[in-house]
Amino acid sequence: MRKILIVDDEPNIVMSLEYIFKKENFEVFIARDGTEAIEIAENNIPDIILLDIMMPNVDGYQVLKYLKGDENLSKIKVIFLSAKNKASDIELGLQLGADKYMSKPFSVKKLVKEVKELIK
């Protein structure tokens, strides 16, 4: 079973994504901030992470830097889901190693398609 880690501090987004990806037969892990995200990633090594940028404690950019710097976690696919939609934010996310960058609000159908394509 494929593993997905959803990292967002917004409960509505987390709940809807959890429901959708469970229906798609994913094992779903949830983190509400960057610190929790790193801990869950280290313990469960997901296939893909949906990562918000603006979160308490450790932001999404810092989480991604940490993942890419860790030999065991650097191969995990990462999609940023963020309300930050300026070209410079998107560019930074991709430069740091994100596989995709989707701005909020996003199409759930498109997100599911992107996730499946990335982990083929």
N, C-alpha and C. Protein backbone atom coordinates (compact mmCIF):
# COMPACT_ATOMS: atom_id res chain seq x y z
N MET A 1 0.84 -1.19 0.00
CA MET A 1 0.00 0.00 0.00
C MET A 1 0.88 1.24 0.00
N ARG A 2 0.53 2.19 -0.85
CA ARG A 2 1.27 3.44 -0.93
C ARG A 2 1.02 4.30 0.30
N LYS A 3 2.05 5.00 0.74
CA LYS A 3 1.92 5.86 1.92
C LYS A 3 1.99 7.32 1.52
N ILE A 4 1.08 8.11 2.07
CA ILE A 4 1.07 9.55 1.81
C ILE A 4 1.05 10.30 3.14
N LEU A 5 1.85 11.34 3.22
CA LEU A 5 1.87 12.19 4.41
C LEU A 5 1.29 13.55 4.02
N ILE A 6 0.22 13.95 4.72
CA ILE A 6 -0.43 15.23 4.46
C ILE A 6 -0.01 16.18 5.58
N VAL A 7 0.64 17.27 5.20
CA VAL A 7 1.15 18.23 6.19
C VAL A 7 0.48 19.58 5.98
N ASP A 8 -0.42 19.93 6.90
CA ASP A 8 -1.13 21.20 6.79
C ASP A 8 -1.71 21.53 8.16
N ASP A 9 -1.74 22.82 8.49
CA ASP A 9 -2.29 23.21 9.80
C ASP A 9 -3.77 23.61 9.69
N GLU A 10 -4.36 23.40 8.51
CA GLU A 10 -5.77 23.73 8.31
C GLU A 10 -6.62 22.45 8.35
N PRO A 11 -7.40 22.25 9.43
CA PRO A 11 -8.15 21.00 9.60
C PRO A 11 -9.05 20.61 8.43
N ASN A 12 -9.72 21.58 7.79
CA ASN A 12 -10.62 21.25 6.68
C ASN A 12 -9.88 20.62 5.51
N ILE A 13 -8.72 21.15 5.21
CA ILE A 13 -7.91 20.62 4.10
C ILE A 13 -7.44 19.20 4.46
N VAL A 14 -6.95 19.05 5.66
CA VAL A 14 -6.44 17.75 6.12
C VAL A 14 -7.54 16.69 6.05
N MET A 15 -8.72 17.03 6.58
CA MET A 15 -9.81 16.05 6.62
C MET A 15 -10.26 15.63 5.22
N SER A 16 -10.41 16.61 4.32
CA SER A 16 -10.87 16.24 2.97
C SER A 16 -9.82 15.43 2.23
N LEU A 17 -8.54 15.82 2.35
CA LEU A 17 -7.48 15.07 1.66
C LEU A 17 -7.32 13.67 2.23
N GLU A 18 -7.45 13.55 3.54
CA GLU A 18 -7.35 12.23 4.18
C GLU A 18 -8.44 11.31 3.62
N TYR A 19 -9.65 11.81 3.56
CA TYR A 19 -10.78 11.04 3.05
C TYR A 19 -10.54 10.60 1.60
N ILE A 20 -10.13 11.54 0.77
CA ILE A 20 -9.92 11.26 -0.66
C ILE A 20 -8.83 10.21 -0.86
N PHE A 21 -7.70 10.37 -0.16
CA PHE A 21 -6.59 9.44 -0.40
C PHE A 21 -6.82 8.07 0.23
N LYS A 22 -7.61 8.01 1.29
CA LYS A 22 -7.99 6.69 1.83
C LYS A 22 -8.86 5.95 0.81
N LYS A 23 -9.76 6.70 0.16
CA LYS A 23 -10.60 6.10 -0.89
C LYS A 23 -9.75 5.61 -2.06
N GLU A 24 -8.61 6.24 -2.28
CA GLU A 24 -7.69 5.85 -3.36
C GLU A 24 -6.71 4.76 -2.89
N ASN A 25 -7.00 4.17 -1.74
CA ASN A 25 -6.19 3.08 -1.17
C ASN A 25 -4.78 3.46 -0.75
N PHE A 26 -4.64 4.64 -0.18
CA PHE A 26 -3.36 5.07 0.39
C PHE A 26 -3.42 4.87 1.90
N GLU A 27 -2.27 4.58 2.48
CA GLU A 27 -2.13 4.65 3.93
C GLU A 27 -1.81 6.12 4.20
N VAL A 28 -2.65 6.78 5.00
CA VAL A 28 -2.55 8.23 5.17
C VAL A 28 -1.98 8.58 6.55
N PHE A 29 -0.98 9.46 6.54
CA PHE A 29 -0.42 10.01 7.78
C PHE A 29 -0.68 11.51 7.77
N ILE A 30 -0.89 12.07 8.96
CA ILE A 30 -1.23 13.49 9.07
C ILE A 30 -0.23 14.18 10.00
N ALA A 31 0.23 15.36 9.57
CA ALA A 31 1.06 16.20 10.44
C ALA A 31 0.49 17.61 10.39
N ARG A 32 0.47 18.27 11.54
CA ARG A 32 -0.11 19.62 11.61
C ARG A 32 0.94 20.73 11.55
N ASP A 33 2.22 20.33 11.65
CA ASP A 33 3.30 21.32 11.52
C ASP A 33 4.56 20.61 11.03
N GLY A 34 5.59 21.42 10.76
CA GLY A 34 6.82 20.88 10.19
C GLY A 34 7.57 19.90 11.07
N THR A 35 7.58 20.17 12.38
CA THR A 35 8.28 19.29 13.32
C THR A 35 7.66 17.90 13.29
N GLU A 36 6.34 17.87 13.35
CA GLU A 36 5.61 16.59 13.32
C GLU A 36 5.83 15.89 11.97
N ALA A 37 5.87 16.67 10.89
CA ALA A 37 6.07 16.11 9.55
C ALA A 37 7.39 15.36 9.45
N ILE A 38 8.45 15.97 9.97
CA ILE A 38 9.78 15.35 9.91
C ILE A 38 9.78 14.05 10.71
N GLU A 39 9.19 14.11 11.90
CA GLU A 39 9.12 12.92 12.76
C GLU A 39 8.38 11.77 12.08
N ILE A 40 7.22 12.06 11.49
CA ILE A 40 6.43 11.03 10.83
C ILE A 40 7.17 10.50 9.60
N ALA A 41 7.80 11.39 8.83
CA ALA A 41 8.54 10.96 7.64
C ALA A 41 9.68 10.01 8.03
N GLU A 42 10.39 10.34 9.09
CA GLU A 42 11.50 9.48 9.54
C GLU A 42 11.01 8.11 9.98
N ASN A 43 9.86 8.07 10.64
CA ASN A 43 9.35 6.80 11.19
C ASN A 43 8.58 5.96 10.18
N ASN A 44 8.05 6.57 9.12
CA ASN A 44 7.18 5.83 8.20
C ASN A 44 7.59 5.87 6.74
N ILE A 45 8.57 6.69 6.39
CA ILE A 45 9.04 6.86 5.01
C ILE A 45 7.90 6.77 3.99
N PRO A 46 7.14 7.87 3.85
CA PRO A 46 6.04 7.86 2.88
C PRO A 46 6.56 7.89 1.44
N ASP A 47 5.70 7.49 0.50
CA ASP A 47 6.06 7.56 -0.92
C ASP A 47 5.99 9.01 -1.40
N ILE A 48 5.05 9.75 -0.80
CA ILE A 48 4.84 11.13 -1.23
C ILE A 48 4.34 11.98 -0.07
N ILE A 49 4.71 13.27 -0.09
CA ILE A 49 4.28 14.20 0.95
C ILE A 49 3.59 15.39 0.29
N LEU A 50 2.39 15.71 0.79
CA LEU A 50 1.69 16.94 0.39
C LEU A 50 2.02 17.94 1.48
N LEU A 51 2.71 19.00 1.11
CA LEU A 51 3.33 19.87 2.10
C LEU A 51 2.88 21.33 1.97
N ASP A 52 2.30 21.85 3.04
CA ASP A 52 1.95 23.26 3.10
C ASP A 52 3.23 24.03 3.42
N ILE A 53 3.27 25.31 3.09
CA ILE A 53 4.46 26.11 3.39
C ILE A 53 4.31 26.89 4.69
N MET A 54 3.21 27.62 4.81
CA MET A 54 3.03 28.48 5.99
C MET A 54 2.41 27.68 7.14
N MET A 55 3.28 27.29 8.08
CA MET A 55 2.84 26.51 9.24
C MET A 55 3.59 26.99 10.48
N PRO A 56 3.02 26.68 11.66
CA PRO A 56 3.72 27.06 12.90
C PRO A 56 5.03 26.27 13.07
N ASN A 57 5.92 26.78 13.88
CA ASN A 57 7.21 26.15 14.21
C ASN A 57 8.17 26.06 13.03
N VAL A 58 8.03 25.02 12.23
CA VAL A 58 8.94 24.79 11.11
C VAL A 58 8.11 24.89 9.82
N ASP A 59 8.50 25.77 8.89
CA ASP A 59 7.69 25.91 7.68
C ASP A 59 8.03 24.83 6.63
N GLY A 60 7.22 24.80 5.58
CA GLY A 60 7.38 23.78 4.55
C GLY A 60 8.72 23.81 3.85
N TYR A 61 9.25 25.02 3.63
CA TYR A 61 10.57 25.12 2.99
C TYR A 61 11.63 24.42 3.84
N GLN A 62 11.58 24.65 5.16
CA GLN A 62 12.57 24.04 6.06
C GLN A 62 12.41 22.51 6.10
N VAL A 63 11.15 22.05 6.06
CA VAL A 63 10.90 20.61 6.04
C VAL A 63 11.52 20.00 4.79
N LEU A 64 11.30 20.64 3.64
CA LEU A 64 11.83 20.12 2.38
C LEU A 64 13.36 20.09 2.40
N LYS A 65 13.98 21.16 2.91
CA LYS A 65 15.45 21.19 3.01
C LYS A 65 15.95 20.02 3.85
N TYR A 66 15.26 19.77 4.97
CA TYR A 66 15.64 18.67 5.85
C TYR A 66 15.53 17.32 5.11
N LEU A 67 14.40 17.11 4.44
CA LEU A 67 14.17 15.85 3.73
C LEU A 67 15.25 15.62 2.67
N LYS A 68 15.54 16.65 1.89
CA LYS A 68 16.51 16.51 0.79
C LYS A 68 17.93 16.30 1.32
N GLY A 69 18.18 16.74 2.55
CA GLY A 69 19.50 16.57 3.14
C GLY A 69 19.70 15.25 3.86
N ASP A 70 18.64 14.45 3.95
CA ASP A 70 18.71 13.17 4.66
C ASP A 70 18.69 12.03 3.64
N GLU A 71 19.74 11.21 3.67
CA GLU A 71 19.88 10.13 2.70
C GLU A 71 18.65 9.22 2.64
N ASN A 72 18.05 8.90 3.79
CA ASN A 72 16.90 7.99 3.83
C ASN A 72 15.61 8.64 3.34
N LEU A 73 15.55 9.97 3.35
CA LEU A 73 14.30 10.66 3.03
C LEU A 73 14.35 11.44 1.72
N SER A 74 15.53 11.56 1.14
CA SER A 74 15.71 12.45 -0.01
C SER A 74 14.97 11.99 -1.27
N LYS A 75 14.56 10.73 -1.34
CA LYS A 75 13.87 10.22 -2.54
C LYS A 75 12.35 10.37 -2.45
N ILE A 76 11.84 10.81 -1.32
CA ILE A 76 10.39 10.99 -1.15
C ILE A 76 9.93 12.10 -2.09
N LYS A 77 8.85 11.84 -2.82
CA LYS A 77 8.27 12.85 -3.71
C LYS A 77 7.53 13.88 -2.86
N VAL A 78 7.63 15.16 -3.25
CA VAL A 78 6.99 16.23 -2.47
C VAL A 78 6.20 17.15 -3.40
N ILE A 79 4.94 17.38 -3.03
CA ILE A 79 4.11 18.37 -3.72
C ILE A 79 3.79 19.46 -2.72
N PHE A 80 4.19 20.69 -3.03
CA PHE A 80 3.79 21.82 -2.19
C PHE A 80 2.35 22.17 -2.51
N LEU A 81 1.54 22.35 -1.47
CA LEU A 81 0.17 22.87 -1.61
C LEU A 81 0.16 24.14 -0.79
N SER A 82 0.14 25.28 -1.44
CA SER A 82 0.30 26.51 -0.69
C SER A 82 -0.53 27.66 -1.22
N ALA A 83 -0.91 28.55 -0.31
CA ALA A 83 -1.60 29.78 -0.70
C ALA A 83 -0.59 30.79 -1.24
N LYS A 84 0.70 30.52 -1.00
CA LYS A 84 1.75 31.40 -1.54
C LYS A 84 1.86 31.10 -3.03
N ASN A 85 1.38 32.04 -3.86
CA ASN A 85 1.36 31.73 -5.29
C ASN A 85 2.12 32.73 -6.15
N LYS A 86 3.00 33.50 -5.53
CA LYS A 86 3.86 34.40 -6.32
C LYS A 86 4.90 33.54 -7.05
N ALA A 87 5.32 34.01 -8.20
CA ALA A 87 6.31 33.26 -8.99
C ALA A 87 7.56 32.96 -8.16
N SER A 88 7.98 33.91 -7.32
CA SER A 88 9.20 33.71 -6.52
C SER A 88 9.01 32.59 -5.49
N ASP A 89 7.81 32.46 -4.92
CA ASP A 89 7.53 31.37 -3.96
C ASP A 89 7.59 30.02 -4.66
N ILE A 90 6.96 29.97 -5.82
CA ILE A 90 6.91 28.71 -6.58
C ILE A 90 8.32 28.32 -7.01
N GLU A 91 9.07 29.30 -7.51
CA GLU A 91 10.45 29.06 -7.95
C GLU A 91 11.30 28.52 -6.80
N LEU A 92 11.18 29.15 -5.63
CA LEU A 92 11.94 28.71 -4.46
C LEU A 92 11.59 27.27 -4.11
N GLY A 93 10.30 26.95 -4.08
CA GLY A 93 9.86 25.59 -3.76
C GLY A 93 10.45 24.56 -4.69
N LEU A 94 10.46 24.87 -5.97
CA LEU A 94 11.00 23.93 -6.97
C LEU A 94 12.52 23.86 -6.88
N GLN A 95 13.17 25.00 -6.62
CA GLN A 95 14.63 25.01 -6.48
C GLN A 95 15.07 24.15 -5.29
N LEU A 96 14.27 24.17 -4.23
CA LEU A 96 14.62 23.39 -3.04
C LEU A 96 14.41 21.89 -3.25
N GLY A 97 13.72 21.54 -4.32
CA GLY A 97 13.58 20.12 -4.65
C GLY A 97 12.17 19.56 -4.66
N ALA A 98 11.15 20.42 -4.56
CA ALA A 98 9.78 19.92 -4.66
C ALA A 98 9.55 19.38 -6.06
N ASP A 99 8.75 18.33 -6.16
CA ASP A 99 8.46 17.73 -7.47
C ASP A 99 7.37 18.51 -8.20
N LYS A 100 6.45 19.08 -7.43
CA LYS A 100 5.34 19.88 -7.99
C LYS A 100 5.00 20.98 -7.01
N TYR A 101 4.33 22.00 -7.52
CA TYR A 101 3.88 23.11 -6.67
C TYR A 101 2.47 23.45 -7.12
N MET A 102 1.49 23.26 -6.24
CA MET A 102 0.11 23.60 -6.56
C MET A 102 -0.39 24.68 -5.61
N SER A 103 -1.00 25.72 -6.19
CA SER A 103 -1.51 26.82 -5.37
C SER A 103 -2.91 26.50 -4.86
N LYS A 104 -3.17 26.97 -3.63
CA LYS A 104 -4.52 26.84 -3.07
C LYS A 104 -5.34 28.00 -3.59
N PRO A 105 -6.62 27.84 -3.87
CA PRO A 105 -7.34 26.56 -3.85
C PRO A 105 -6.92 25.71 -5.05
N PHE A 106 -6.95 24.40 -4.88
CA PHE A 106 -6.51 23.49 -5.94
C PHE A 106 -7.63 22.54 -6.31
N SER A 107 -7.51 21.93 -7.47
CA SER A 107 -8.47 20.93 -7.92
C SER A 107 -8.06 19.59 -7.32
N VAL A 108 -8.98 18.97 -6.58
CA VAL A 108 -8.69 17.69 -5.95
C VAL A 108 -8.43 16.62 -7.01
N LYS A 109 -9.22 16.66 -8.07
CA LYS A 109 -9.04 15.69 -9.16
C LYS A 109 -7.63 15.78 -9.74
N LYS A 110 -7.19 17.02 -9.97
CA LYS A 110 -5.86 17.25 -10.53
C LYS A 110 -4.78 16.79 -9.54
N LEU A 111 -5.00 17.06 -8.25
CA LEU A 111 -4.03 16.66 -7.23
C LEU A 111 -3.87 15.13 -7.20
N VAL A 112 -4.98 14.41 -7.20
CA VAL A 112 -4.93 12.94 -7.18
C VAL A 112 -4.18 12.43 -8.41
N LYS A 113 -4.46 13.04 -9.56
CA LYS A 113 -3.78 12.65 -10.80
C LYS A 113 -2.27 12.90 -10.69
N GLU A 114 -1.88 14.07 -10.18
CA GLU A 114 -0.46 14.41 -10.02
C GLU A 114 0.23 13.42 -9.08
N VAL A 115 -0.42 13.11 -7.97
CA VAL A 115 0.15 12.18 -7.00
C VAL A 115 0.39 10.82 -7.64
N LYS A 116 -0.61 10.32 -8.35
CA LYS A 116 -0.47 8.99 -8.98
C LYS A 116 0.63 8.99 -10.02
N GLU A 117 0.75 10.09 -10.79
CA GLU A 117 1.80 10.17 -11.80
C GLU A 117 3.18 10.18 -11.17
N LEU A 118 3.33 10.91 -10.06
CA LEU A 118 4.63 11.03 -9.42
C LEU A 118 5.12 9.74 -8.82
N ILE A 119 4.21 8.88 -8.36
CA ILE A 119 4.67 7.67 -7.66
C ILE A 119 4.52 6.40 -8.49
N LYS A 120 4.31 6.54 -9.78
CA LYS A 120 4.24 5.37 -10.67
C LYS A 120 5.51 4.55 -10.55
